[in-house]
């Protein structure tokens, strides 16, 4: 029988914190790691190892979504952690990741708190039981975005942009110059780590927001990116990004006055037998 922890907040780690043992490395007095290597059986397979920690007065679950586990599809990996989040009682989810710049005014180390997205991935039909019609009018929670903006501003990481459109593509490859040129004018940043998470967050009735650090220019934008620069940013800024996430998570409350939880409705789709999908 699963020993599912209780937590109100979750943090999905991406490439931005991959270089550290988040959150233990940060050495904060308001953080107490309660359980490491927490693996839970779900209808979609075992979750990746998660960490349960106390942040001030609240319990937080965190896991890493960057990279691939052998024999586990990207879709199932996402289903596993969001099933766990739902069962644990998570209502607020923060995410982070490294992204490329489509907007030529954005530079490496700039921070974008995304306000919308364009899904160009092939993972559009990834859900749990499918009981809900998901309204994506306000996909990124405005209240939690504000918390991230404030936290980033207090840490003085770099330039902070309060809004921006995230174009989501599939990996493991980066995009071609022609693809980046096609997205230019429609999006500001490009990466692989918002979908299907933004849909699954809506499905479980949770607020979702992300902090995205520009680590390279998209192909054909300004100049060719260098692997060494990308690696340097990941290693040098990981601790700062970790602190921003913790500051924002500590500042969120349990209320959902933002309206995110109201943007899921009973599904209108029925199968050929008249049963809800």
C-alpha atoms as a PDB file:
ATOM      1  CA  UNK A   1       0.000   0.000   0.000  1.00  0.00           C
ATOM      2  CA  UNK A   2       1.378   3.411  -0.980  1.00  0.00           C
ATOM      3  CA  UNK A   3       2.514   5.696   1.785  1.00  0.00           C
ATOM      4  CA  UNK A   4       1.482   8.909   0.064  1.00  0.00           C
ATOM      5  CA  UNK A   5       2.724  12.041   1.832  1.00  0.00           C
ATOM      6  CA  UNK A   6       0.675  15.183   2.328  1.00  0.00           C
ATOM      7  CA  UNK A   7       1.883  18.388   0.721  1.00  0.00           C
ATOM      8  CA  UNK A   8       0.232  21.587  -0.472  1.00  0.00           C
ATOM      9  CA  UNK A   9       3.036  22.798  -2.733  1.00  0.00           C
ATOM     10  CA  UNK A  10       5.193  21.033  -5.335  1.00  0.00           C
ATOM     11  CA  UNK A  11       8.310  22.124  -7.206  1.00  0.00           C
ATOM     12  CA  UNK A  12       9.232  20.492 -10.506  1.00  0.00           C
ATOM     13  CA  UNK A  13      12.960  20.745 -11.027  1.00  0.00           C
ATOM     14  CA  UNK A  14      14.385  21.204 -14.502  1.00  0.00           C
ATOM     15  CA  UNK A  15      17.786  21.923 -15.956  1.00  0.00           C
ATOM     16  CA  UNK A  16      18.154  25.076 -13.861  1.00  0.00           C
ATOM     17  CA  UNK A  17      18.607  23.181 -10.574  1.00  0.00           C
ATOM     18  CA  UNK A  18      20.010  19.958 -12.021  1.00  0.00           C
ATOM     19  CA  UNK A  19      23.557  20.829 -10.901  1.00  0.00           C
ATOM     20  CA  UNK A  20      22.675  20.880  -7.177  1.00  0.00           C
ATOM     21  CA  UNK A  21      21.084  18.646  -4.573  1.00  0.00           C
ATOM     22  CA  UNK A  22      17.906  20.687  -4.317  1.00  0.00           C
ATOM     23  CA  UNK A  23      16.926  21.828  -1.713  1.00  0.00           C
ATOM     24  CA  UNK A  24      19.547  20.441   0.701  1.00  0.00           C
ATOM     25  CA  UNK A  25      22.556  22.096  -0.956  1.00  0.00           C
ATOM     26  CA  UNK A  26      21.162  25.561  -0.296  1.00  0.00           C
ATOM     27  CA  UNK A  27      21.727  25.232   3.455  1.00  0.00           C
ATOM     28  CA  UNK A  28      18.631  27.180   4.478  1.00  0.00           C
ATOM     29  CA  UNK A  29      17.484  27.202   8.084  1.00  0.00           C
ATOM     30  CA  UNK A  30      13.824  27.167   6.976  1.00  0.00           C
ATOM     31  CA  UNK A  31      14.232  23.880   5.061  1.00  0.00           C
ATOM     32  CA  UNK A  32      14.079  20.428   6.664  1.00  0.00           C
ATOM     33  CA  UNK A  33      14.295  17.384   4.415  1.00  0.00           C
ATOM     34  CA  UNK A  34      11.771  14.845   5.712  1.00  0.00           C
ATOM     35  CA  UNK A  35      12.163  12.023   3.193  1.00  0.00           C
ATOM     36  CA  UNK A  36      14.476  11.281   0.290  1.00  0.00           C
ATOM     37  CA  UNK A  37      14.091   8.868  -2.622  1.00  0.00           C
ATOM     38  CA  UNK A  38      10.348   8.726  -2.160  1.00  0.00           C
ATOM     39  CA  UNK A  39       8.957   6.432  -4.870  1.00  0.00           C
ATOM     40  CA  UNK A  40       5.221   5.809  -5.161  1.00  0.00           C
ATOM     41  CA  UNK A  41       3.327   3.243  -7.227  1.00  0.00           C
ATOM     42  CA  UNK A  42       0.809   4.900  -9.555  1.00  0.00           C
ATOM     43  CA  UNK A  43      -1.530   3.564 -12.273  1.00  0.00           C
ATOM     44  CA  UNK A  44       1.132   4.764 -14.746  1.00  0.00           C
ATOM     45  CA  UNK A  45       4.139   3.144 -13.108  1.00  0.00           C
ATOM     46  CA  UNK A  46       6.482   4.103 -10.304  1.00  0.00           C
ATOM     47  CA  UNK A  47       7.253   7.782  -9.838  1.00  0.00           C
ATOM     48  CA  UNK A  48      10.787   9.101 -10.164  1.00  0.00           C
ATOM     49  CA  UNK A  49      12.505   9.551  -6.779  1.00  0.00           C
ATOM     50  CA  UNK A  50      10.942  12.526  -5.008  1.00  0.00           C
ATOM     51  CA  UNK A  51      11.921  14.534  -1.950  1.00  0.00           C
ATOM     52  CA  UNK A  52       9.504  15.632   0.751  1.00  0.00           C
ATOM     53  CA  UNK A  53      10.654  18.612   2.780  1.00  0.00           C
ATOM     54  CA  UNK A  54       9.278  21.163   5.173  1.00  0.00           C
ATOM     55  CA  UNK A  55       9.588  24.792   4.155  1.00  0.00           C
ATOM     56  CA  UNK A  56       8.615  26.991   7.056  1.00  0.00           C
ATOM     57  CA  UNK A  57       5.157  25.736   8.010  1.00  0.00           C
ATOM     58  CA  UNK A  58       4.306  23.865   4.816  1.00  0.00           C
ATOM     59  CA  UNK A  59       5.215  20.511   3.311  1.00  0.00           C
ATOM     60  CA  UNK A  60       6.642  20.573  -0.214  1.00  0.00           C
ATOM     61  CA  UNK A  61       7.188  17.762  -2.724  1.00  0.00           C
ATOM     62  CA  UNK A  62       9.894  18.083  -5.333  1.00  0.00           C
ATOM     63  CA  UNK A  63      11.178  15.901  -8.146  1.00  0.00           C
ATOM     64  CA  UNK A  64      13.327  16.229 -11.226  1.00  0.00           C
ATOM     65  CA  UNK A  65      11.729  16.032 -14.624  1.00  0.00           C
ATOM     66  CA  UNK A  66      14.842  16.780 -16.656  1.00  0.00           C
ATOM     67  CA  UNK A  67      16.180  13.771 -18.538  1.00  0.00           C
ATOM     68  CA  UNK A  68      14.706  10.389 -19.391  1.00  0.00           C
ATOM     69  CA  UNK A  69      14.386   7.152 -17.448  1.00  0.00           C
ATOM     70  CA  UNK A  70      14.980   4.000 -19.443  1.00  0.00           C
ATOM     71  CA  UNK A  71      11.713   2.331 -20.398  1.00  0.00           C
ATOM     72  CA  UNK A  72       9.541   5.256 -19.235  1.00  0.00           C
ATOM     73  CA  UNK A  73       7.922   7.552 -21.775  1.00  0.00           C
ATOM     74  CA  UNK A  74       7.921  11.289 -21.228  1.00  0.00           C
ATOM     75  CA  UNK A  75       4.116  11.171 -21.083  1.00  0.00           C
ATOM     76  CA  UNK A  76       4.020   8.495 -18.382  1.00  0.00           C
ATOM     77  CA  UNK A  77       6.702  10.257 -16.356  1.00  0.00           C
ATOM     78  CA  UNK A  78       4.466  13.333 -16.268  1.00  0.00           C
ATOM     79  CA  UNK A  79       1.367  11.308 -15.411  1.00  0.00           C
ATOM     80  CA  UNK A  80       3.179   9.614 -12.542  1.00  0.00           C
ATOM     81  CA  UNK A  81       4.177  12.784 -10.733  1.00  0.00           C
ATOM     82  CA  UNK A  82       0.867  14.576 -11.273  1.00  0.00           C
ATOM     83  CA  UNK A  83      -1.072  11.566 -10.030  1.00  0.00           C
ATOM     84  CA  UNK A  84       1.111  11.733  -6.907  1.00  0.00           C
ATOM     85  CA  UNK A  85       0.601  15.491  -6.595  1.00  0.00           C
ATOM     86  CA  UNK A  86      -3.159  15.054  -6.755  1.00  0.00           C
ATOM     87  CA  UNK A  87      -3.214  12.276  -4.172  1.00  0.00           C
ATOM     88  CA  UNK A  88      -0.901  14.272  -1.896  1.00  0.00           C
ATOM     89  CA  UNK A  89      -3.211  17.292  -1.975  1.00  0.00           C
ATOM     90  CA  UNK A  90      -0.947  19.642  -3.951  1.00  0.00           C
ATOM     91  CA  UNK A  91      -2.685  22.836  -5.069  1.00  0.00           C
ATOM     92  CA  UNK A  92       0.279  25.043  -6.018  1.00  0.00           C
ATOM     93  CA  UNK A  93       2.998  23.939  -8.462  1.00  0.00           C
ATOM     94  CA  UNK A  94       6.165  25.825  -9.375  1.00  0.00           C
ATOM     95  CA  UNK A  95       8.439  24.751 -12.216  1.00  0.00           C
ATOM     96  CA  UNK A  96      11.738  25.894 -13.660  1.00  0.00           C
ATOM     97  CA  UNK A  97      13.854  25.226 -16.705  1.00  0.00           C
ATOM     98  CA  UNK A  98      16.442  26.501 -19.135  1.00  0.00           C
ATOM     99  CA  UNK A  99      15.136  27.906 -22.420  1.00  0.00           C
ATOM    100  CA  UNK A 100      16.347  29.372 -25.678  1.00  0.00           C
ATOM    101  CA  UNK A 101      15.647  32.916 -26.820  1.00  0.00           C
ATOM    102  CA  UNK A 102      13.412  33.500 -29.849  1.00  0.00           C
ATOM    103  CA  UNK A 103      13.042  37.192 -29.080  1.00  0.00           C
ATOM    104  CA  UNK A 104      16.358  38.774 -30.099  1.00  0.00           C
ATOM    105  CA  UNK A 105      16.061  41.292 -27.235  1.00  0.00           C
ATOM    106  CA  UNK A 106      16.410  38.498 -24.662  1.00  0.00           C
ATOM    107  CA  UNK A 107      19.917  37.565 -23.595  1.00  0.00           C
ATOM    108  CA  UNK A 108      21.463  34.588 -21.763  1.00  0.00           C
ATOM    109  CA  UNK A 109      20.731  34.707 -18.008  1.00  0.00           C
ATOM    110  CA  UNK A 110      17.558  36.752 -18.470  1.00  0.00           C
ATOM    111  CA  UNK A 111      14.650  35.355 -16.460  1.00  0.00           C
ATOM    112  CA  UNK A 112      11.179  35.064 -17.995  1.00  0.00           C
ATOM    113  CA  UNK A 113       8.083  34.375 -15.899  1.00  0.00           C
ATOM    114  CA  UNK A 114       6.004  32.936 -18.739  1.00  0.00           C
ATOM    115  CA  UNK A 115       2.444  34.249 -19.132  1.00  0.00           C
ATOM    116  CA  UNK A 116       1.267  32.025 -21.997  1.00  0.00           C
ATOM    117  CA  UNK A 117       2.422  29.192 -24.246  1.00  0.00           C
ATOM    118  CA  UNK A 118       2.193  27.682 -27.719  1.00  0.00           C
ATOM    119  CA  UNK A 119       2.262  23.897 -27.720  1.00  0.00           C
ATOM    120  CA  UNK A 120       4.246  22.501 -30.643  1.00  0.00           C
ATOM    121  CA  UNK A 121       5.008  19.235 -28.875  1.00  0.00           C
ATOM    122  CA  UNK A 122       3.504  15.887 -29.809  1.00  0.00           C
ATOM    123  CA  UNK A 123       2.314  15.265 -26.242  1.00  0.00           C
ATOM    124  CA  UNK A 124      -1.057  16.990 -26.452  1.00  0.00           C
ATOM    125  CA  UNK A 125      -3.252  14.064 -25.420  1.00  0.00           C
ATOM    126  CA  UNK A 126      -1.647  13.335 -22.064  1.00  0.00           C
ATOM    127  CA  UNK A 127      -4.013  13.214 -19.116  1.00  0.00           C
ATOM    128  CA  UNK A 128      -5.106  11.184 -16.134  1.00  0.00           C
ATOM    129  CA  UNK A 129      -8.672   9.840 -16.168  1.00  0.00           C
ATOM    130  CA  UNK A 130      -9.977  12.442 -18.612  1.00  0.00           C
ATOM    131  CA  UNK A 131     -12.970  13.559 -16.526  1.00  0.00           C
ATOM    132  CA  UNK A 132     -12.487  17.250 -17.273  1.00  0.00           C
ATOM    133  CA  UNK A 133     -12.672  19.756 -20.073  1.00  0.00           C
ATOM    134  CA  UNK A 134      -9.569  21.888 -19.547  1.00  0.00           C
ATOM    135  CA  UNK A 135      -9.934  25.611 -20.188  1.00  0.00           C
ATOM    136  CA  UNK A 136      -6.504  27.069 -20.896  1.00  0.00           C
ATOM    137  CA  UNK A 137      -7.535  30.726 -20.780  1.00  0.00           C
ATOM    138  CA  UNK A 138      -5.287  31.400 -17.782  1.00  0.00           C
ATOM    139  CA  UNK A 139      -2.791  28.584 -18.047  1.00  0.00           C
ATOM    140  CA  UNK A 140      -0.132  30.243 -15.878  1.00  0.00           C
ATOM    141  CA  UNK A 141      -1.430  31.390 -12.503  1.00  0.00           C
ATOM    142  CA  UNK A 142      -1.171  35.206 -12.210  1.00  0.00           C
ATOM    143  CA  UNK A 143      -0.885  35.111  -8.413  1.00  0.00           C
ATOM    144  CA  UNK A 144       1.978  32.628  -8.450  1.00  0.00           C
ATOM    145  CA  UNK A 145       3.687  34.428 -11.310  1.00  0.00           C
ATOM    146  CA  UNK A 146       3.697  37.533  -9.131  1.00  0.00           C
ATOM    147  CA  UNK A 147       5.333  35.549  -6.308  1.00  0.00           C
ATOM    148  CA  UNK A 148       8.078  34.415  -8.705  1.00  0.00           C
ATOM    149  CA  UNK A 149       8.627  37.933 -10.015  1.00  0.00           C
ATOM    150  CA  UNK A 150       8.991  39.277  -6.468  1.00  0.00           C
ATOM    151  CA  UNK A 151      11.294  36.453  -5.396  1.00  0.00           C
ATOM    152  CA  UNK A 152      13.500  36.846  -8.475  1.00  0.00           C
ATOM    153  CA  UNK A 153      13.681  40.591  -7.952  1.00  0.00           C
ATOM    154  CA  UNK A 154      14.854  40.152  -4.374  1.00  0.00           C
ATOM    155  CA  UNK A 155      17.644  37.813  -5.491  1.00  0.00           C
ATOM    156  CA  UNK A 156      18.879  40.100  -8.304  1.00  0.00           C
ATOM    157  CA  UNK A 157      19.651  37.187 -10.624  1.00  0.00           C
ATOM    158  CA  UNK A 158      19.498  39.193 -13.854  1.00  0.00           C
ATOM    159  CA  UNK A 159      16.915  41.029 -15.926  1.00  0.00           C
ATOM    160  CA  UNK A 160      13.417  39.827 -15.079  1.00  0.00           C
ATOM    161  CA  UNK A 161      10.557  39.789 -17.565  1.00  0.00           C
ATOM    162  CA  UNK A 162       7.076  39.543 -16.055  1.00  0.00           C
ATOM    163  CA  UNK A 163       5.502  38.063 -19.153  1.00  0.00           C
ATOM    164  CA  UNK A 164       6.435  36.104 -22.225  1.00  0.00           C
ATOM    165  CA  UNK A 165       5.168  33.357 -24.521  1.00  0.00           C
ATOM    166  CA  UNK A 166       6.813  29.943 -24.211  1.00  0.00           C
ATOM    167  CA  UNK A 167       6.918  27.815 -27.389  1.00  0.00           C
ATOM    168  CA  UNK A 168       7.018  24.161 -26.325  1.00  0.00           C
ATOM    169  CA  UNK A 169       8.738  21.655 -28.606  1.00  0.00           C
ATOM    170  CA  UNK A 170       9.869  18.038 -28.339  1.00  0.00           C
ATOM    171  CA  UNK A 171      13.408  16.878 -27.523  1.00  0.00           C
ATOM    172  CA  UNK A 172      15.939  15.564 -27.279  1.00  0.00           C
ATOM    173  CA  UNK A 173      17.123  17.663 -30.189  1.00  0.00           C
ATOM    174  CA  UNK A 174      17.154  21.455 -30.344  1.00  0.00           C
ATOM    175  CA  UNK A 175      15.170  23.262 -33.006  1.00  0.00           C
ATOM    176  CA  UNK A 176      16.379  24.052 -36.533  1.00  0.00           C
ATOM    177  CA  UNK A 177      16.949  27.651 -37.730  1.00  0.00           C
ATOM    178  CA  UNK A 178      13.859  27.382 -39.942  1.00  0.00           C
ATOM    179  CA  UNK A 179      11.709  26.271 -37.010  1.00  0.00           C
ATOM    180  CA  UNK A 180      12.960  29.104 -34.820  1.00  0.00           C
ATOM    181  CA  UNK A 181      12.317  31.587 -37.637  1.00  0.00           C
ATOM    182  CA  UNK A 182       8.734  30.286 -37.951  1.00  0.00           C
ATOM    183  CA  UNK A 183       8.088  30.827 -34.223  1.00  0.00           C
ATOM    184  CA  UNK A 184       9.702  34.265 -34.138  1.00  0.00           C
ATOM    185  CA  UNK A 185       7.071  36.939 -33.633  1.00  0.00           C
ATOM    186  CA  UNK A 186       4.736  34.430 -31.976  1.00  0.00           C
ATOM    187  CA  UNK A 187       6.829  33.403 -28.971  1.00  0.00           C
ATOM    188  CA  UNK A 188       9.642  34.774 -26.855  1.00  0.00           C
ATOM    189  CA  UNK A 189      11.311  31.654 -25.469  1.00  0.00           C
ATOM    190  CA  UNK A 190      11.521  28.054 -26.612  1.00  0.00           C
ATOM    191  CA  UNK A 191      12.001  24.817 -24.694  1.00  0.00           C
ATOM    192  CA  UNK A 192      10.662  21.392 -23.845  1.00  0.00           C
ATOM    193  CA  UNK A 193       9.437  21.526 -20.264  1.00  0.00           C
ATOM    194  CA  UNK A 194       5.976  23.122 -19.964  1.00  0.00           C
ATOM    195  CA  UNK A 195       3.718  20.650 -21.770  1.00  0.00           C
ATOM    196  CA  UNK A 196       2.031  18.384 -20.792  1.00  0.00           C
ATOM    197  CA  UNK A 197       2.621  19.666 -17.235  1.00  0.00           C
ATOM    198  CA  UNK A 198       0.449  22.748 -17.702  1.00  0.00           C
ATOM    199  CA  UNK A 199      -2.478  20.522 -18.782  1.00  0.00           C
ATOM    200  CA  UNK A 200      -2.012  18.057 -15.953  1.00  0.00           C
ATOM    201  CA  UNK A 201      -1.884  20.867 -13.408  1.00  0.00           C
ATOM    202  CA  UNK A 202      -5.222  22.127 -14.674  1.00  0.00           C
ATOM    203  CA  UNK A 203      -6.639  18.587 -14.599  1.00  0.00           C
ATOM    204  CA  UNK A 204      -5.835  18.142 -10.905  1.00  0.00           C
ATOM    205  CA  UNK A 205      -7.153  21.623 -10.087  1.00  0.00           C
ATOM    206  CA  UNK A 206      -3.758  23.080  -9.162  1.00  0.00           C
ATOM    207  CA  UNK A 207      -2.215  26.472  -9.914  1.00  0.00           C
ATOM    208  CA  UNK A 208       0.910  26.355 -12.085  1.00  0.00           C
ATOM    209  CA  UNK A 209       3.666  28.874 -12.802  1.00  0.00           C
ATOM    210  CA  UNK A 210       7.226  28.638 -14.055  1.00  0.00           C
ATOM    211  CA  UNK A 211      10.517  30.482 -13.912  1.00  0.00           C
ATOM    212  CA  UNK A 212      12.536  30.089 -17.101  1.00  0.00           C
ATOM    213  CA  UNK A 213      16.159  31.145 -17.508  1.00  0.00           C
ATOM    214  CA  UNK A 214      17.493  31.971 -20.968  1.00  0.00           C
ATOM    215  CA  UNK A 215      20.574  29.787 -21.423  1.00  0.00           C
ATOM    216  CA  UNK A 216      21.133  30.175 -25.170  1.00  0.00           C
ATOM    217  CA  UNK A 217      19.927  31.915 -28.295  1.00  0.00           C
ATOM    218  CA  UNK A 218      17.645  29.937 -30.564  1.00  0.00           C
ATOM    219  CA  UNK A 219      19.259  28.804 -33.807  1.00  0.00           C
ATOM    220  CA  UNK A 220      19.612  31.801 -36.119  1.00  0.00           C
ATOM    221  CA  UNK A 221      18.975  34.373 -33.357  1.00  0.00           C
ATOM    222  CA  UNK A 222      21.770  36.934 -32.701  1.00  0.00           C
ATOM    223  CA  UNK A 223      24.644  34.418 -32.740  1.00  0.00           C
ATOM    224  CA  UNK A 224      25.414  30.720 -32.520  1.00  0.00           C
ATOM    225  CA  UNK A 225      25.125  29.423 -28.989  1.00  0.00           C
ATOM    226  CA  UNK A 226      28.011  27.647 -27.289  1.00  0.00           C
ATOM    227  CA  UNK A 227      27.757  24.492 -25.212  1.00  0.00           C
ATOM    228  CA  UNK A 228      30.324  25.812 -22.740  1.00  0.00           C
ATOM    229  CA  UNK A 229      28.269  28.950 -22.054  1.00  0.00           C
ATOM    230  CA  UNK A 230      25.118  26.919 -21.534  1.00  0.00           C
ATOM    231  CA  UNK A 231      26.912  24.585 -19.113  1.00  0.00           C
ATOM    232  CA  UNK A 232      28.421  27.522 -17.226  1.00  0.00           C
ATOM    233  CA  UNK A 233      25.007  29.119 -16.677  1.00  0.00           C
ATOM    234  CA  UNK A 234      23.539  25.840 -15.432  1.00  0.00           C
ATOM    235  CA  UNK A 235      26.293  25.397 -12.854  1.00  0.00           C
ATOM    236  CA  UNK A 236      26.747  28.985 -11.714  1.00  0.00           C
ATOM    237  CA  UNK A 237      23.092  29.964 -11.387  1.00  0.00           C
ATOM    238  CA  UNK A 238      21.584  26.746  -9.977  1.00  0.00           C
ATOM    239  CA  UNK A 239      21.774  27.912  -6.372  1.00  0.00           C
ATOM    240  CA  UNK A 240      20.204  31.293  -7.143  1.00  0.00           C
ATOM    241  CA  UNK A 241      17.344  29.642  -9.020  1.00  0.00           C
ATOM    242  CA  UNK A 242      16.822  27.233  -6.128  1.00  0.00           C
ATOM    243  CA  UNK A 243      16.553  30.093  -3.643  1.00  0.00           C
ATOM    244  CA  UNK A 244      14.047  31.937  -5.842  1.00  0.00           C
ATOM    245  CA  UNK A 245      11.842  28.850  -6.033  1.00  0.00           C
ATOM    246  CA  UNK A 246      11.954  28.364  -2.271  1.00  0.00           C
ATOM    247  CA  UNK A 247      11.256  32.045  -1.580  1.00  0.00           C
ATOM    248  CA  UNK A 248       8.230  31.957  -3.876  1.00  0.00           C
ATOM    249  CA  UNK A 249       6.976  28.632  -2.492  1.00  0.00           C
ATOM    250  CA  UNK A 250       7.254  29.941   1.054  1.00  0.00           C
ATOM    251  CA  UNK A 251       5.225  33.007   0.115  1.00  0.00           C
ATOM    252  CA  UNK A 252       2.256  31.203  -1.479  1.00  0.00           C
ATOM    253  CA  UNK A 253      -0.823  30.427   0.593  1.00  0.00           C
ATOM    254  CA  UNK A 254      -3.426  27.692   0.350  1.00  0.00           C
ATOM    255  CA  UNK A 255      -6.107  29.904  -1.200  1.00  0.00           C
ATOM    256  CA  UNK A 256      -7.034  29.796  -4.889  1.00  0.00           C
ATOM    257  CA  UNK A 257      -8.746  33.158  -5.306  1.00  0.00           C
ATOM    258  CA  UNK A 258      -6.969  33.475  -8.679  1.00  0.00           C
ATOM    259  CA  UNK A 259      -9.693  31.429 -10.394  1.00  0.00           C
ATOM    260  CA  UNK A 260      -7.392  28.718 -11.779  1.00  0.00           C
ATOM    261  CA  UNK A 261      -9.321  25.943 -10.038  1.00  0.00           C
ATOM    262  CA  UNK A 262     -12.536  27.030 -11.785  1.00  0.00           C
ATOM    263  CA  UNK A 263     -11.062  26.555 -15.266  1.00  0.00           C
ATOM    264  CA  UNK A 264     -11.826  22.856 -15.490  1.00  0.00           C
ATOM    265  CA  UNK A 265     -15.328  21.633 -16.259  1.00  0.00           C
ATOM    266  CA  UNK A 266     -16.952  18.215 -16.628  1.00  0.00           C
ATOM    267  CA  UNK A 267     -16.002  16.745 -19.983  1.00  0.00           C
ATOM    268  CA  UNK A 268     -18.415  17.173 -22.885  1.00  0.00           C
ATOM    269  CA  UNK A 269     -16.919  14.182 -24.679  1.00  0.00           C
ATOM    270  CA  UNK A 270     -18.592  10.789 -24.596  1.00  0.00           C
ATOM    271  CA  UNK A 271     -17.516   7.540 -26.154  1.00  0.00           C
ATOM    272  CA  UNK A 272     -19.659   5.576 -28.609  1.00  0.00           C
ATOM    273  CA  UNK A 273     -21.420   3.814 -25.740  1.00  0.00           C
ATOM    274  CA  UNK A 274     -22.507   7.068 -24.121  1.00  0.00           C
ATOM    275  CA  UNK A 275     -20.062   6.717 -21.245  1.00  0.00           C
ATOM    276  CA  UNK A 276     -17.840   9.564 -20.153  1.00  0.00           C
ATOM    277  CA  UNK A 277     -14.256   9.091 -21.191  1.00  0.00           C
END
